[in-house]
Protein backbone atom coordinates (compact mmCIF):
# COMPACT_ATOMS: atom_id res chain seq x y z
CA MET A 1 44.31 31.36 65.16
CA LYS A 2 43.31 31.02 61.54
CA ASN A 3 40.91 33.47 59.99
CA LEU A 4 37.90 31.75 58.35
CA LYS A 5 36.81 33.41 55.14
CA LYS A 6 33.18 33.09 54.13
CA SER A 7 32.79 32.39 50.40
CA SER A 8 30.14 34.32 48.54
CA PHE A 9 29.12 35.27 44.98
CA THR A 10 30.40 38.45 43.54
CA LEU A 11 28.01 40.65 41.65
CA ILE A 12 29.55 39.60 38.31
CA GLU A 13 29.22 35.89 39.13
CA LEU A 14 25.60 36.42 40.09
CA ILE A 15 24.90 38.20 36.82
CA PHE A 16 26.53 35.38 34.82
CA ALA A 17 24.48 32.80 36.73
CA ILE A 18 21.26 34.68 35.97
CA ILE A 19 22.20 34.89 32.28
CA ILE A 20 22.96 31.14 32.08
CA VAL A 21 19.70 30.26 33.83
CA GLY A 22 17.84 32.56 31.44
CA ILE A 23 19.42 30.87 28.39
CA VAL A 24 18.48 27.44 29.74
CA ILE A 25 14.89 28.51 30.40
CA THR A 26 14.45 30.08 26.97
CA SER A 27 15.90 26.91 25.35
CA ILE A 28 13.38 24.57 26.97
CA PRO A 29 10.52 25.28 24.49
CA MET A 30 12.91 24.69 21.58
CA LEU A 31 14.11 21.43 23.11
CA LEU A 32 10.54 20.28 23.68
CA THR A 33 9.62 21.20 20.10
CA ASN A 34 12.58 19.26 18.71
CA LEU A 35 11.70 16.31 20.94
CA SER A 36 8.13 16.38 19.70
CA LYS A 37 9.30 16.49 16.07
CA SER A 38 11.70 13.62 16.73
CA GLN A 39 8.89 11.53 18.21
CA GLU A 40 6.67 12.40 15.25
CA VAL A 41 9.37 11.32 12.77
CA THR A 42 9.88 8.08 14.70
CA GLN A 43 6.13 7.44 14.64
CA LYS A 44 6.01 8.02 10.88
CA GLU A 45 8.94 5.68 10.32
CA ARG A 46 7.22 2.95 12.32
CA SER A 47 3.94 3.49 10.51
CA PHE A 48 5.66 3.39 7.09
CA PHE A 49 7.45 0.16 8.01
CA ASN A 50 4.22 -1.59 8.99
CA ALA A 51 2.28 -0.16 6.05
CA PHE A 52 4.92 -1.33 3.58
CA ALA A 53 4.90 -4.76 5.23
CA LEU A 54 1.13 -4.96 4.67
CA LEU A 55 1.49 -3.70 1.10
CA ASN A 56 4.11 -6.36 0.44
CA LEU A 57 1.66 -9.00 1.70
CA ILE A 58 -1.00 -7.68 -0.67
CA GLN A 59 1.43 -7.71 -3.60
CA THR A 60 2.16 -11.41 -3.13
CA GLN A 61 -1.48 -12.35 -3.77
CA GLU A 62 -2.93 -13.27 -7.16
CA TRP A 63 -4.22 -10.36 -9.21
CA ASP A 64 -7.72 -11.82 -9.23
CA GLU A 65 -9.69 -14.68 -7.72
CA ASN A 66 -10.08 -16.26 -11.15
CA ASN A 67 -6.33 -16.35 -11.76
CA THR A 68 -6.27 -19.67 -9.93
CA VAL A 69 -9.35 -21.44 -11.26
CA ASP A 70 -8.66 -25.18 -11.24
CA ASP A 71 -5.89 -26.20 -13.64
CA ASN A 72 -7.07 -24.18 -16.63
CA TYR A 73 -3.62 -22.98 -17.58
CA TYR A 74 -4.71 -22.16 -21.12
CA LYS A 75 -7.39 -19.71 -20.08
CA VAL A 76 -6.84 -15.97 -20.17
CA LEU A 77 -8.29 -13.60 -17.58
CA THR A 78 -10.30 -10.83 -19.23
CA SER A 79 -12.11 -7.73 -18.02
CA GLU A 80 -15.51 -7.45 -19.63
CA ASN A 81 -15.68 -3.68 -19.18
CA GLY A 82 -11.98 -2.95 -19.69
CA ASP A 83 -10.53 -0.97 -22.57
CA SER A 84 -11.55 -2.43 -25.93
CA GLU A 85 -7.91 -2.58 -27.08
CA LEU A 86 -7.18 -5.01 -24.25
CA LYS A 87 -9.92 -7.47 -25.15
CA CYS A 88 -8.76 -11.06 -25.57
CA LEU A 89 -8.93 -11.67 -29.32
CA ARG A 90 -5.96 -13.94 -29.83
CA LEU A 91 -5.68 -17.72 -29.70
CA GLY A 92 -3.94 -19.24 -26.74
CA VAL A 93 -2.23 -22.63 -26.52
CA MET A 94 -3.99 -25.08 -24.23
CA GLU A 95 -0.96 -27.28 -23.67
CA LEU A 96 2.62 -27.34 -24.88
CA ASN A 97 1.87 -30.30 -27.16
CA ASN A 98 -1.52 -29.11 -28.35
CA SER A 99 -1.73 -26.57 -31.16
CA SER A 100 -5.52 -26.30 -31.21
CA GLY A 101 -5.45 -23.51 -28.66
CA ALA A 102 -8.43 -21.86 -26.98
CA ASN A 103 -10.58 -19.07 -28.37
CA CYS A 104 -10.35 -16.34 -25.73
CA ALA A 105 -13.52 -14.71 -27.02
CA THR A 106 -15.62 -17.63 -25.80
CA ASP A 107 -13.42 -19.64 -23.47
CA ASP A 108 -12.05 -17.31 -20.82
CA ASN A 109 -12.22 -16.27 -17.20
CA GLN A 110 -13.89 -13.05 -16.16
CA THR A 111 -12.53 -10.79 -13.43
CA SER A 112 -14.25 -11.01 -10.05
CA ILE A 113 -15.91 -8.31 -7.99
CA ILE A 114 -13.92 -6.24 -5.49
CA GLY A 115 -13.81 -7.55 -1.93
CA PRO A 116 -13.43 -10.83 -0.05
CA ASP A 117 -15.11 -13.82 -1.66
CA ALA A 118 -17.44 -16.32 -0.01
CA GLY A 119 -15.81 -18.08 2.92
CA GLU A 120 -12.93 -15.60 3.17
CA THR A 121 -13.27 -14.10 6.62
CA SER A 122 -9.66 -13.35 7.59
CA VAL A 123 -6.31 -12.44 6.07
CA GLU A 124 -5.32 -16.11 6.13
CA ASP A 125 -8.17 -16.81 3.69
CA TYR A 126 -7.36 -14.01 1.25
CA ASP A 127 -5.94 -15.22 -2.06
CA ASP A 128 -6.20 -12.20 -4.34
CA ILE A 129 -5.44 -8.48 -4.12
CA ASP A 130 -8.97 -7.12 -3.87
CA ASP A 131 -9.81 -9.37 -0.90
CA PHE A 132 -8.06 -6.71 1.22
CA ASP A 133 -10.65 -4.06 0.35
CA GLY A 134 -12.08 -2.79 3.65
CA TYR A 135 -9.36 -4.46 5.72
CA SER A 136 -7.94 -2.48 8.64
CA THR A 137 -5.47 -3.15 11.43
CA THR A 138 -4.09 -1.30 14.45
CA VAL A 139 -0.34 -1.32 15.06
CA ASP A 140 1.18 0.58 18.00
CA ASP A 141 -0.32 4.08 17.90
CA PHE A 142 -1.76 4.11 14.40
CA ASN A 143 -4.42 2.52 12.20
CA ILE A 144 -3.87 1.19 8.68
CA SER A 145 -6.91 0.80 6.43
CA VAL A 146 -6.99 -0.58 2.89
CA LYS A 147 -9.12 0.36 -0.11
CA VAL A 148 -9.05 -1.51 -3.43
CA ASN A 149 -10.80 -0.32 -6.58
CA TYR A 150 -10.67 -0.84 -10.30
CA MET A 151 -8.91 2.01 -12.10
CA ASP A 152 -9.77 3.31 -15.55
CA ASP A 153 -7.55 1.49 -18.06
CA SER A 154 -8.53 3.61 -21.07
CA ALA A 155 -5.53 4.84 -23.02
CA ASP A 156 -4.09 5.13 -26.51
CA TYR A 157 -2.18 1.87 -26.60
CA SER A 158 -0.63 2.71 -29.95
CA GLN A 159 1.63 5.23 -28.24
CA LYS A 160 5.10 4.45 -26.93
CA ASN A 161 4.35 6.01 -23.53
CA ILE A 162 1.03 5.25 -21.85
CA ASN A 163 -0.21 7.38 -18.97
CA PHE A 164 -2.94 6.64 -16.45
CA ILE A 165 -4.60 8.85 -13.85
CA SER A 166 -4.44 7.11 -10.48
CA ASP A 167 -7.47 8.94 -9.08
CA ASN A 168 -9.66 7.99 -12.05
CA LEU A 169 -11.44 5.04 -10.39
CA VAL A 170 -14.37 3.21 -11.96
CA ASN A 171 -17.31 1.23 -10.54
CA HIS A 172 -16.84 -1.64 -13.00
CA ASP A 173 -14.08 -4.10 -13.75
CA SER A 174 -10.97 -3.10 -15.71
CA ASN A 175 -7.41 -4.33 -16.20
CA ILE A 176 -5.93 -2.21 -13.41
CA LYS A 177 -6.49 -2.54 -9.68
CA PHE A 178 -5.69 0.44 -7.47
CA VAL A 179 -4.66 -0.14 -3.84
CA GLU A 180 -4.63 2.66 -1.26
CA LEU A 181 -3.35 2.37 2.31
CA ASN A 182 -4.37 5.13 4.74
CA ILE A 183 -2.33 5.56 7.91
CA THR A 184 -3.93 7.54 10.75
CA ASN A 185 -3.22 8.21 14.41
CA LYS A 186 -5.16 5.78 16.58
CA ASP A 187 -6.28 8.39 19.09
CA THR A 188 -6.59 11.63 17.12
CA HIS A 189 -7.42 10.01 13.75
CA LYS A 190 -5.04 12.49 12.17
CA GLU A 191 -3.78 11.36 8.79
CA ILE A 192 -0.09 10.41 8.84
CA ALA A 193 0.42 9.17 5.28
CA VAL A 194 -1.26 7.60 2.27
CA LEU A 195 0.41 4.87 0.20
CA LYS A 196 -0.87 4.31 -3.34
CA TYR A 197 -0.11 1.33 -5.54
CA PHE A 198 -1.59 -0.06 -8.74
CA THR A 199 -1.11 -3.36 -10.49
CA SER A 200 -2.17 -4.58 -13.91
CA ASN A 201 -3.78 -7.71 -15.27
CA ILE A 202 -1.22 -9.52 -17.42
CA GLY A 203 -3.84 -11.82 -18.93
CA ALA A 204 -2.32 -15.25 -18.51
CA VAL A 205 -3.59 -17.32 -15.62
CA LYS A 206 -0.25 -18.94 -14.88
CA ILE A 207 2.42 -20.98 -16.60
CA GLU A 208 2.30 -24.75 -16.25
CA SER A 209 5.67 -26.16 -15.29
CA ARG A 210 7.03 -29.53 -16.36
CA SER A 211 6.46 -30.89 -12.86
CA GLU A 212 2.75 -30.17 -13.16
């Protein structure tokens, strides 16, 4: 008759088991923390992707509503309250075969006010950068809101390097528009990131092609 041996833990095996369980338990908070950080990074990546997509949409718009006025290709867009050194004082050429030109001091387009223009009630209607001022959208777990302002364009334009202060916003028109995208958590409203972008008025309305 065979003897049946009953298996059991030795004291050493039991101690090792307790140690391993203890290591696992003490590692759980660290694992949860790393998981939380990983989720946070993923959330930020998703929010950046969508914010940059919106910023790219804004960038494709005209600088100003009056950049596309009729077919006045010879006109130059000017900012009445912009830096005096950027005032339109030169003669432009109305057409390629017309040398009479247009006096920018009297025959020009003025920049428009910030915000959507009459009849522009949705993104599909927006046709210039500042139409997005006050626009907001919710994507996944975060909100993206847009602010557009004129930025101070005062500088010493005789210098080789010209510096501007992005936070120096003005309540009148200028030759620089400043766009700010704020990304916040939808539920907690905690700020995730802020994207800042500025773009300058290049003056010319647009170039008439031969086909036009």
